[in-house]
């Protein structure tokens, strides 16, 4: 028997660290960059610290999951409002203490799953729930992508680039991304998003869009402004329940990446391991002044588009994030990429996430016209996309978290038809 035949063949989903994947990893960071730094910008946290904690959090996640899941972790949008309220009420250090303790929720859920097994999760979150929730993840972010493509801020409140100019830029980046993903050859086909960003950036320069004075004034090297937590019961009890929303979203993201790669990560390494890894990353981020980490739907969309399933690519993305957190001028340059460039890319990525959710329903073979299924899917999507929100005191639940919780409750409470029993 030859030595070649005794070597185990490396599958596309196996961890395989190669230098040639560094640019693909950088591409994944480019995809996450806009959302990654938006959270600290809105909440007053340091953007360089957010880059650092995204990189460290992803590496910690890979250690906890034994390098098996191609997911990138970074700033969680679910905590934007709680952080703003917490800083105003208790100050930054005590708010960070609450964010550190939010990681404990992941540990509790991880322990429950390890104790009762994945089957209990699948009973609570079957495809009829997770499929629409994944769709909501893409659909709820769609307005952000469109606003950015039109030259506005993510919420559409401020015009940053004239609409006609923005459309030329965003549609260029979108078109190049689509063409490279469909017609690219060899290594080029692995980087459609990076090609789209480069094309949009070139058009931006040609059209005179972009502000570069801040880049020139920024020093090359600068230590991130780490801030350390203080612990008090009030912010801890305020923030911890909010963690249920990104935790449920985490499960949907693991289902989504499983659907994309064809490998069941719910069983290997197990959702208890991915949940534990998310908790470790979140606690580590809070200890140095970064926003809580969460699995990034944008990067899952990029994995779907590029068909690069090697988890080592996320190691490269994490390493790039850590390096960029110390190179202030490069960070300033990336932050200066005009909004329409990323807007064009996001339109495709968020649409790809929605299609993954739709495919989850299709593969499950569910009859969506059956009354029980119709009610669950309809309310998940409308509550999530429509902006429904419920408040209990200072605690508010809406968006993806509410959509997921609605699906879970309906699936448990609504009686099944005879054909489903």
Protein backbone atom coordinates (compact mmCIF):
# COMPACT_ATOMS: atom_id res chain seq x y z
CA UNK A 1 0.00 0.00 0.00
CA UNK A 2 1.46 3.38 -1.00
CA UNK A 3 2.04 6.17 1.48
CA UNK A 4 -0.35 8.37 -0.47
CA UNK A 5 -3.19 5.89 -0.01
CA UNK A 6 -2.59 5.73 3.76
CA UNK A 7 -2.98 9.45 4.17
CA UNK A 8 -6.48 10.53 5.01
CA UNK A 9 -8.00 12.69 2.31
CA UNK A 10 -8.70 16.22 3.54
CA UNK A 11 -12.38 17.10 3.10
CA UNK A 12 -13.40 20.66 2.11
CA UNK A 13 -14.92 21.15 5.58
CA UNK A 14 -11.80 19.97 7.47
CA UNK A 15 -9.49 22.45 9.21
CA UNK A 16 -6.54 23.01 6.87
CA UNK A 17 -4.33 25.99 7.69
CA UNK A 18 -2.58 27.22 4.53
CA UNK A 19 -0.79 30.47 3.78
CA UNK A 20 -2.57 30.77 0.43
CA UNK A 21 -5.89 31.25 2.28
CA UNK A 22 -4.77 34.50 3.93
CA UNK A 23 -6.50 36.71 1.35
CA UNK A 24 -9.69 34.66 1.58
CA UNK A 25 -9.59 35.17 5.34
CA UNK A 26 -9.02 38.89 4.86
CA UNK A 27 -12.07 38.91 2.60
CA UNK A 28 -14.18 37.46 5.42
CA UNK A 29 -12.99 40.26 7.71
CA UNK A 30 -13.87 42.83 5.01
CA UNK A 31 -17.40 41.40 4.95
CA UNK A 32 -17.74 41.68 8.73
CA UNK A 33 -15.90 44.99 9.08
CA UNK A 34 -18.81 47.40 8.58
CA UNK A 35 -21.08 45.75 11.13
CA UNK A 36 -18.15 44.96 13.43
CA UNK A 37 -17.14 48.60 13.91
CA UNK A 38 -20.70 49.99 13.75
CA UNK A 39 -21.57 48.67 17.22
CA UNK A 40 -18.68 50.44 19.00
CA UNK A 41 -19.31 53.61 16.97
CA UNK A 42 -22.95 53.69 18.14
CA UNK A 43 -22.24 52.72 21.75
CA UNK A 44 -19.06 54.66 22.49
CA UNK A 45 -16.80 51.61 22.69
CA UNK A 46 -13.40 51.65 20.99
CA UNK A 47 -13.45 50.33 17.40
CA UNK A 48 -9.91 48.99 17.63
CA UNK A 49 -10.86 47.07 20.78
CA UNK A 50 -13.84 45.62 18.90
CA UNK A 51 -11.47 44.42 16.17
CA UNK A 52 -9.18 42.89 18.77
CA UNK A 53 -11.98 41.10 20.64
CA UNK A 54 -13.52 39.85 17.38
CA UNK A 55 -10.21 38.21 16.48
CA UNK A 56 -9.52 36.81 19.93
CA UNK A 57 -13.16 35.73 20.33
CA UNK A 58 -13.08 33.84 17.03
CA UNK A 59 -9.86 32.06 18.01
CA UNK A 60 -11.32 31.12 21.41
CA UNK A 61 -14.44 29.84 19.64
CA UNK A 62 -12.29 27.70 17.36
CA UNK A 63 -10.47 26.23 20.36
CA UNK A 64 -13.78 25.37 22.04
CA UNK A 65 -15.15 23.78 18.85
CA UNK A 66 -11.85 22.09 17.90
CA UNK A 67 -11.59 24.13 14.70
CA UNK A 68 -14.58 22.49 13.05
CA UNK A 69 -17.03 25.34 12.33
CA UNK A 70 -16.34 28.04 9.67
CA UNK A 71 -17.90 30.91 11.60
CA UNK A 72 -16.57 34.36 12.51
CA UNK A 73 -17.56 36.04 15.78
CA UNK A 74 -17.78 39.81 16.24
CA UNK A 75 -19.86 42.66 17.71
CA UNK A 76 -23.48 41.76 18.52
CA UNK A 77 -26.21 44.19 17.41
CA UNK A 78 -28.58 42.84 20.08
CA UNK A 79 -26.66 44.72 22.77
CA UNK A 80 -26.58 48.19 21.15
CA UNK A 81 -29.56 49.62 23.05
CA UNK A 82 -28.68 47.90 26.36
CA UNK A 83 -25.09 49.21 26.19
CA UNK A 84 -26.25 52.77 25.47
CA UNK A 85 -28.77 52.63 28.34
CA UNK A 86 -26.26 50.95 30.64
CA UNK A 87 -23.54 53.53 30.01
CA UNK A 88 -25.97 56.37 30.64
CA UNK A 89 -27.30 54.76 33.83
CA UNK A 90 -24.31 53.01 35.47
CA UNK A 91 -21.30 54.07 33.42
CA UNK A 92 -19.07 52.08 31.09
CA UNK A 93 -17.19 49.85 33.62
CA UNK A 94 -20.36 48.50 35.31
CA UNK A 95 -22.03 48.01 31.93
CA UNK A 96 -19.03 45.97 30.85
CA UNK A 97 -19.47 43.91 34.02
CA UNK A 98 -23.00 43.09 32.90
CA UNK A 99 -21.72 42.17 29.43
CA UNK A 100 -19.14 39.81 30.93
CA UNK A 101 -21.87 38.07 32.94
CA UNK A 102 -24.05 37.74 29.81
CA UNK A 103 -21.62 35.03 28.72
CA UNK A 104 -22.90 32.92 31.63
CA UNK A 105 -26.23 32.55 29.82
CA UNK A 106 -24.42 30.74 27.00
CA UNK A 107 -22.76 28.46 29.56
CA UNK A 108 -26.14 27.57 31.12
CA UNK A 109 -27.65 26.80 27.73
CA UNK A 110 -24.57 24.81 26.78
CA UNK A 111 -24.88 22.75 29.97
CA UNK A 112 -28.58 22.10 29.33
CA UNK A 113 -27.88 20.88 25.80
CA UNK A 114 -25.00 18.70 26.99
CA UNK A 115 -27.28 17.21 29.69
CA UNK A 116 -30.41 16.67 27.60
CA UNK A 117 -28.79 16.27 24.20
CA UNK A 118 -29.25 17.95 20.84
CA UNK A 119 -32.60 16.23 20.31
CA UNK A 120 -34.24 18.44 22.91
CA UNK A 121 -33.07 21.48 20.94
CA UNK A 122 -34.33 20.02 17.66
CA UNK A 123 -37.73 19.42 19.26
CA UNK A 124 -37.85 23.03 20.38
CA UNK A 125 -36.27 24.42 17.19
CA UNK A 126 -37.29 22.25 14.21
CA UNK A 127 -36.85 23.43 10.57
CA UNK A 128 -40.33 25.00 10.62
CA UNK A 129 -38.91 27.43 13.21
CA UNK A 130 -35.24 27.75 12.25
CA UNK A 131 -35.93 28.17 8.50
CA UNK A 132 -38.09 31.31 8.89
CA UNK A 133 -35.77 32.66 11.60
CA UNK A 134 -32.80 32.41 9.23
CA UNK A 135 -34.92 34.16 6.59
CA UNK A 136 -35.67 36.93 9.09
CA UNK A 137 -31.94 37.37 9.76
CA UNK A 138 -31.46 38.22 6.08
CA UNK A 139 -34.71 40.16 5.58
CA UNK A 140 -34.44 42.29 8.71
CA UNK A 141 -31.01 43.48 7.57
CA UNK A 142 -32.15 44.17 4.01
CA UNK A 143 -33.09 47.84 4.64
CA UNK A 144 -29.60 48.44 6.06
CA UNK A 145 -28.05 47.12 2.85
CA UNK A 146 -30.35 49.19 0.63
CA UNK A 147 -29.77 52.37 2.64
CA UNK A 148 -26.01 51.88 2.37
CA UNK A 149 -26.30 51.17 -1.37
CA UNK A 150 -28.18 54.47 -1.74
CA UNK A 151 -25.43 56.36 0.07
CA UNK A 152 -27.12 56.67 3.46
CA UNK A 153 -26.26 55.53 6.96
CA UNK A 154 -27.55 52.08 7.91
CA UNK A 155 -30.70 53.52 9.49
CA UNK A 156 -31.34 55.77 6.48
CA UNK A 157 -31.33 58.93 8.61
CA UNK A 158 -28.33 60.70 7.04
CA UNK A 159 -27.30 61.01 3.39
CA UNK A 160 -23.56 60.49 3.09
CA UNK A 161 -23.26 60.27 -0.71
CA UNK A 162 -25.65 61.65 -3.36
CA UNK A 163 -28.05 58.91 -4.44
CA UNK A 164 -27.14 58.74 -8.15
CA UNK A 165 -23.42 58.67 -7.36
CA UNK A 166 -23.98 56.04 -4.66
CA UNK A 167 -25.90 53.83 -7.06
CA UNK A 168 -23.04 53.85 -9.58
CA UNK A 169 -20.65 52.75 -6.83
CA UNK A 170 -22.88 50.15 -5.14
CA UNK A 171 -24.11 48.58 -8.36
CA UNK A 172 -20.51 48.32 -9.60
CA UNK A 173 -19.44 46.44 -6.48
CA UNK A 174 -22.55 44.23 -6.68
CA UNK A 175 -22.12 43.50 -10.40
CA UNK A 176 -18.42 42.63 -10.12
CA UNK A 177 -19.14 40.36 -7.14
CA UNK A 178 -21.83 38.51 -9.07
CA UNK A 179 -19.73 38.18 -12.24
CA UNK A 180 -16.62 36.92 -10.42
CA UNK A 181 -18.65 34.40 -8.39
CA UNK A 182 -20.24 33.04 -11.58
CA UNK A 183 -17.42 33.35 -14.12
CA UNK A 184 -14.21 33.66 -12.09
CA UNK A 185 -11.52 31.03 -12.62
CA UNK A 186 -9.18 29.41 -10.11
CA UNK A 187 -8.13 31.46 -7.10
CA UNK A 188 -10.00 34.53 -8.36
CA UNK A 189 -13.31 32.71 -7.93
CA UNK A 190 -12.60 32.40 -4.20
CA UNK A 191 -12.55 36.17 -3.77
CA UNK A 192 -15.67 37.64 -5.44
CA UNK A 193 -16.40 39.90 -2.49
CA UNK A 194 -12.87 41.29 -2.34
CA UNK A 195 -13.04 41.92 -6.10
CA UNK A 196 -16.37 43.70 -5.69
CA UNK A 197 -14.99 45.89 -2.90
CA UNK A 198 -11.93 46.76 -4.99
CA UNK A 199 -14.08 47.66 -8.02
CA UNK A 200 -16.42 49.80 -5.95
CA UNK A 201 -13.48 51.50 -4.28
CA UNK A 202 -11.90 52.37 -7.65
CA UNK A 203 -15.19 53.85 -8.90
CA UNK A 204 -15.46 55.83 -5.64
CA UNK A 205 -12.06 57.40 -6.22
CA UNK A 206 -12.95 58.15 -9.87
CA UNK A 207 -16.18 59.88 -8.75
CA UNK A 208 -14.44 61.82 -5.99
CA UNK A 209 -16.22 60.04 -3.13
CA UNK A 210 -14.37 59.49 0.15
CA UNK A 211 -12.75 61.44 2.96
CA UNK A 212 -9.08 60.63 3.52
CA UNK A 213 -7.86 63.43 5.84
CA UNK A 214 -8.58 61.30 8.92
CA UNK A 215 -6.45 58.51 7.45
CA UNK A 216 -3.52 60.88 6.95
CA UNK A 217 -3.78 62.22 10.50
CA UNK A 218 -3.93 58.79 12.15
CA UNK A 219 -0.64 57.27 13.43
CA UNK A 220 0.47 53.94 12.00
CA UNK A 221 0.64 52.03 15.27
CA UNK A 222 -1.56 52.58 18.29
CA UNK A 223 -2.56 50.42 21.24
CA UNK A 224 -6.33 49.78 21.47
CA UNK A 225 -7.94 51.66 24.39
CA UNK A 226 -8.77 48.72 26.65
CA UNK A 227 -11.32 49.32 29.42
CA UNK A 228 -11.87 46.93 32.30
CA UNK A 229 -15.19 45.98 33.94
CA UNK A 230 -16.67 46.56 37.35
CA UNK A 231 -19.43 44.33 38.69
CA UNK A 232 -22.77 45.42 40.16
CA UNK A 233 -26.07 43.54 40.41
CA UNK A 234 -28.33 46.05 38.64
CA UNK A 235 -26.58 46.12 35.23
CA UNK A 236 -25.96 42.36 35.45
CA UNK A 237 -29.66 41.59 36.01
CA UNK A 238 -30.60 44.09 33.30
CA UNK A 239 -28.30 42.73 30.60
CA UNK A 240 -28.30 38.95 31.20
CA UNK A 241 -31.91 38.26 30.01
CA UNK A 242 -31.19 40.08 26.74
CA UNK A 243 -28.61 37.39 25.95
CA UNK A 244 -31.40 34.93 25.14
CA UNK A 245 -32.01 36.74 21.84
CA UNK A 246 -28.48 36.35 20.38
CA UNK A 247 -28.29 32.83 21.88
CA UNK A 248 -31.35 31.77 19.89
CA UNK A 249 -29.90 33.56 16.85
CA UNK A 250 -26.69 31.59 17.44
CA UNK A 251 -28.55 28.30 17.04
CA UNK A 252 -30.10 29.54 13.79
CA UNK A 253 -26.66 30.52 12.49
CA UNK A 254 -25.25 27.07 13.31
CA UNK A 255 -28.18 25.48 11.48
CA UNK A 256 -27.54 27.84 8.54
CA UNK A 257 -23.83 27.05 8.25
CA UNK A 258 -24.65 23.34 8.57
CA UNK A 259 -27.08 23.68 5.68
CA UNK A 260 -24.48 25.49 3.56
CA UNK A 261 -21.58 23.09 4.16
CA UNK A 262 -23.61 19.87 4.34
CA UNK A 263 -21.97 18.99 7.66
CA UNK A 264 -24.10 18.67 10.83
CA UNK A 265 -22.41 20.95 13.36
CA UNK A 266 -25.30 20.42 15.78
CA UNK A 267 -23.83 16.97 16.40
CA UNK A 268 -20.12 17.49 15.69
CA UNK A 269 -18.72 19.39 17.52
CA UNK A 270 -22.22 19.85 18.97
CA UNK A 271 -24.25 22.99 19.54
CA UNK A 272 -23.31 22.82 23.23
CA UNK A 273 -19.68 23.37 22.15
CA UNK A 274 -20.53 26.24 19.78
CA UNK A 275 -22.72 27.84 22.46
CA UNK A 276 -19.94 27.47 25.03
CA UNK A 277 -17.45 28.99 22.60
CA UNK A 278 -19.74 31.97 22.00
CA UNK A 279 -20.00 32.47 25.76
CA UNK A 280 -16.22 32.36 26.22
CA UNK A 281 -15.76 34.90 23.41
CA UNK A 282 -18.42 37.20 24.87
CA UNK A 283 -16.89 37.13 28.36
CA UNK A 284 -13.38 37.72 26.99
CA UNK A 285 -14.62 40.74 25.00
CA UNK A 286 -16.32 42.30 28.03
CA UNK A 287 -13.17 41.92 30.16
CA UNK A 288 -11.19 44.31 27.92
CA UNK A 289 -13.92 46.73 26.87
CA UNK A 290 -15.27 45.14 23.69
CA UNK A 291 -18.89 44.49 22.69
CA UNK A 292 -20.33 40.96 23.18
CA UNK A 293 -19.50 38.54 20.39
CA UNK A 294 -21.97 36.70 18.21
CA UNK A 295 -21.84 34.51 15.12
CA UNK A 296 -21.91 36.75 12.04
CA UNK A 297 -24.65 36.18 9.47
CA UNK A 298 -22.74 38.35 6.97
CA UNK A 299 -19.81 35.94 7.02
CA UNK A 300 -22.14 32.94 6.77
CA UNK A 301 -23.52 34.55 3.62
CA UNK A 302 -19.97 34.99 2.33
CA UNK A 303 -19.24 31.30 2.99
CA UNK A 304 -22.38 30.43 1.02
CA UNK A 305 -21.29 32.64 -1.85
CA UNK A 306 -17.61 31.62 -2.02
CA UNK A 307 -18.19 27.92 -1.17
CA UNK A 308 -15.02 28.00 0.97
CA UNK A 309 -15.82 25.72 3.92
CA UNK A 310 -12.34 25.42 5.45
CA UNK A 311 -12.60 26.68 9.08
CA UNK A 312 -8.93 27.76 8.94
CA UNK A 313 -10.05 30.68 6.76
CA UNK A 314 -11.68 32.11 9.90
CA UNK A 315 -8.35 31.75 11.71
CA UNK A 316 -6.84 34.02 9.06
CA UNK A 317 -9.76 36.44 9.45
CA UNK A 318 -9.23 36.48 13.22
CA UNK A 319 -5.48 37.05 12.87
CA UNK A 320 -6.12 39.91 10.44
CA UNK A 321 -8.57 41.47 12.90
CA UNK A 322 -6.04 41.30 15.75
CA UNK A 323 -3.28 42.81 13.60
CA UNK A 324 -5.54 45.59 12.35
CA UNK A 325 -6.51 46.47 15.92
CA UNK A 326 -2.92 47.69 16.45
CA UNK A 327 -2.40 49.28 13.02
CA UNK A 328 -4.51 52.38 13.47
CA UNK A 329 -3.91 53.85 10.00
CA UNK A 330 -5.09 50.70 8.21
CA UNK A 331 -8.13 50.59 10.45
CA UNK A 332 -8.85 54.22 9.60
CA UNK A 333 -8.45 53.44 5.90
CA UNK A 334 -10.88 50.52 6.07
CA UNK A 335 -13.31 52.65 8.01
CA UNK A 336 -13.08 55.26 5.26
CA UNK A 337 -14.29 52.91 2.51
CA UNK A 338 -17.39 54.69 1.18
CA UNK A 339 -20.71 53.32 2.42
CA UNK A 340 -22.11 52.47 -1.06
CA UNK A 341 -19.22 50.05 -1.71
CA UNK A 342 -20.27 47.85 1.20
CA UNK A 343 -23.95 48.47 0.51
CA UNK A 344 -23.74 46.75 -2.86
CA UNK A 345 -22.02 43.74 -1.29
CA UNK A 346 -24.50 43.53 1.60
CA UNK A 347 -27.48 43.35 -0.75
CA UNK A 348 -26.19 40.06 -2.12
CA UNK A 349 -25.00 38.67 1.23
CA UNK A 350 -28.23 39.32 3.12
CA UNK A 351 -30.20 37.92 0.21
CA UNK A 352 -28.04 34.78 0.33
CA UNK A 353 -28.86 34.34 4.03
CA UNK A 354 -32.57 34.61 3.28
CA UNK A 355 -32.23 31.94 0.58
CA UNK A 356 -30.46 29.63 3.06
CA UNK A 357 -33.47 29.91 5.38
CA UNK A 358 -35.84 29.24 2.50
CA UNK A 359 -33.79 26.22 1.51
CA UNK A 360 -34.03 24.90 5.09
CA UNK A 361 -37.82 24.86 4.74
CA UNK A 362 -37.69 23.30 1.29
CA UNK A 363 -35.35 20.50 2.40
CA UNK A 364 -37.57 19.77 5.41
CA UNK A 365 -40.42 19.04 2.98
CA UNK A 366 -43.04 20.85 5.06
CA UNK A 367 -46.47 21.69 3.68
CA UNK A 368 -46.59 25.43 4.32
CA UNK A 369 -50.31 25.57 3.54
CA UNK A 370 -51.05 23.30 6.51
CA UNK A 371 -52.62 25.72 9.07
CA UNK A 372 -50.16 25.05 11.91
CA UNK A 373 -47.10 25.49 9.68
CA UNK A 374 -48.58 28.56 8.02
CA UNK A 375 -49.24 30.25 11.37
CA UNK A 376 -45.72 29.57 12.69
CA UNK A 377 -43.93 30.74 9.54
CA UNK A 378 -46.20 33.76 9.02
CA UNK A 379 -45.87 35.12 12.55
CA UNK A 380 -42.12 34.55 12.74
CA UNK A 381 -41.51 36.50 9.53
CA UNK A 382 -44.02 39.31 10.15
CA UNK A 383 -43.02 39.84 13.79
CA UNK A 384 -39.34 39.82 12.84
CA UNK A 385 -39.40 41.88 9.66
CA UNK A 386 -42.30 44.13 10.67
CA UNK A 387 -40.58 45.44 13.79
CA UNK A 388 -42.96 44.07 16.42
CA UNK A 389 -41.68 44.74 19.94
CA UNK A 390 -42.79 43.77 23.44
CA UNK A 391 -41.69 45.57 26.60
CA UNK A 392 -41.67 44.36 30.21
CA UNK A 393 -40.39 47.23 32.32
CA UNK A 394 -37.00 48.25 30.95
CA UNK A 395 -36.60 44.93 29.11
CA UNK A 396 -37.52 45.03 25.43
CA UNK A 397 -37.68 42.15 22.99
CA UNK A 398 -37.99 42.61 19.25
CA UNK A 399 -36.41 41.81 15.91
CA UNK A 400 -34.67 38.46 15.49
CA UNK A 401 -34.95 37.57 19.18
CA UNK A 402 -38.72 38.08 19.23
CA UNK A 403 -39.12 36.20 15.93
CA UNK A 404 -37.18 33.22 17.29
CA UNK A 405 -39.02 33.21 20.62
CA UNK A 406 -42.38 33.45 18.82
CA UNK A 407 -41.51 30.42 16.71
CA UNK A 408 -40.39 28.41 19.74
CA UNK A 409 -43.55 29.18 21.73
CA UNK A 410 -45.92 28.51 18.83
CA UNK A 411 -44.17 25.25 17.97
CA UNK A 412 -44.55 24.06 21.58
CA UNK A 413 -48.13 25.24 22.14
CA UNK A 414 -49.98 24.79 18.83
CA UNK A 415 -51.54 21.32 18.48
CA UNK A 416 -50.21 19.14 15.68
CA UNK A 417 -52.50 17.76 13.00
CA UNK A 418 -52.96 14.01 12.73
CA UNK A 419 -50.52 13.82 9.82
CA UNK A 420 -47.79 15.49 11.91
CA UNK A 421 -48.19 13.32 15.01
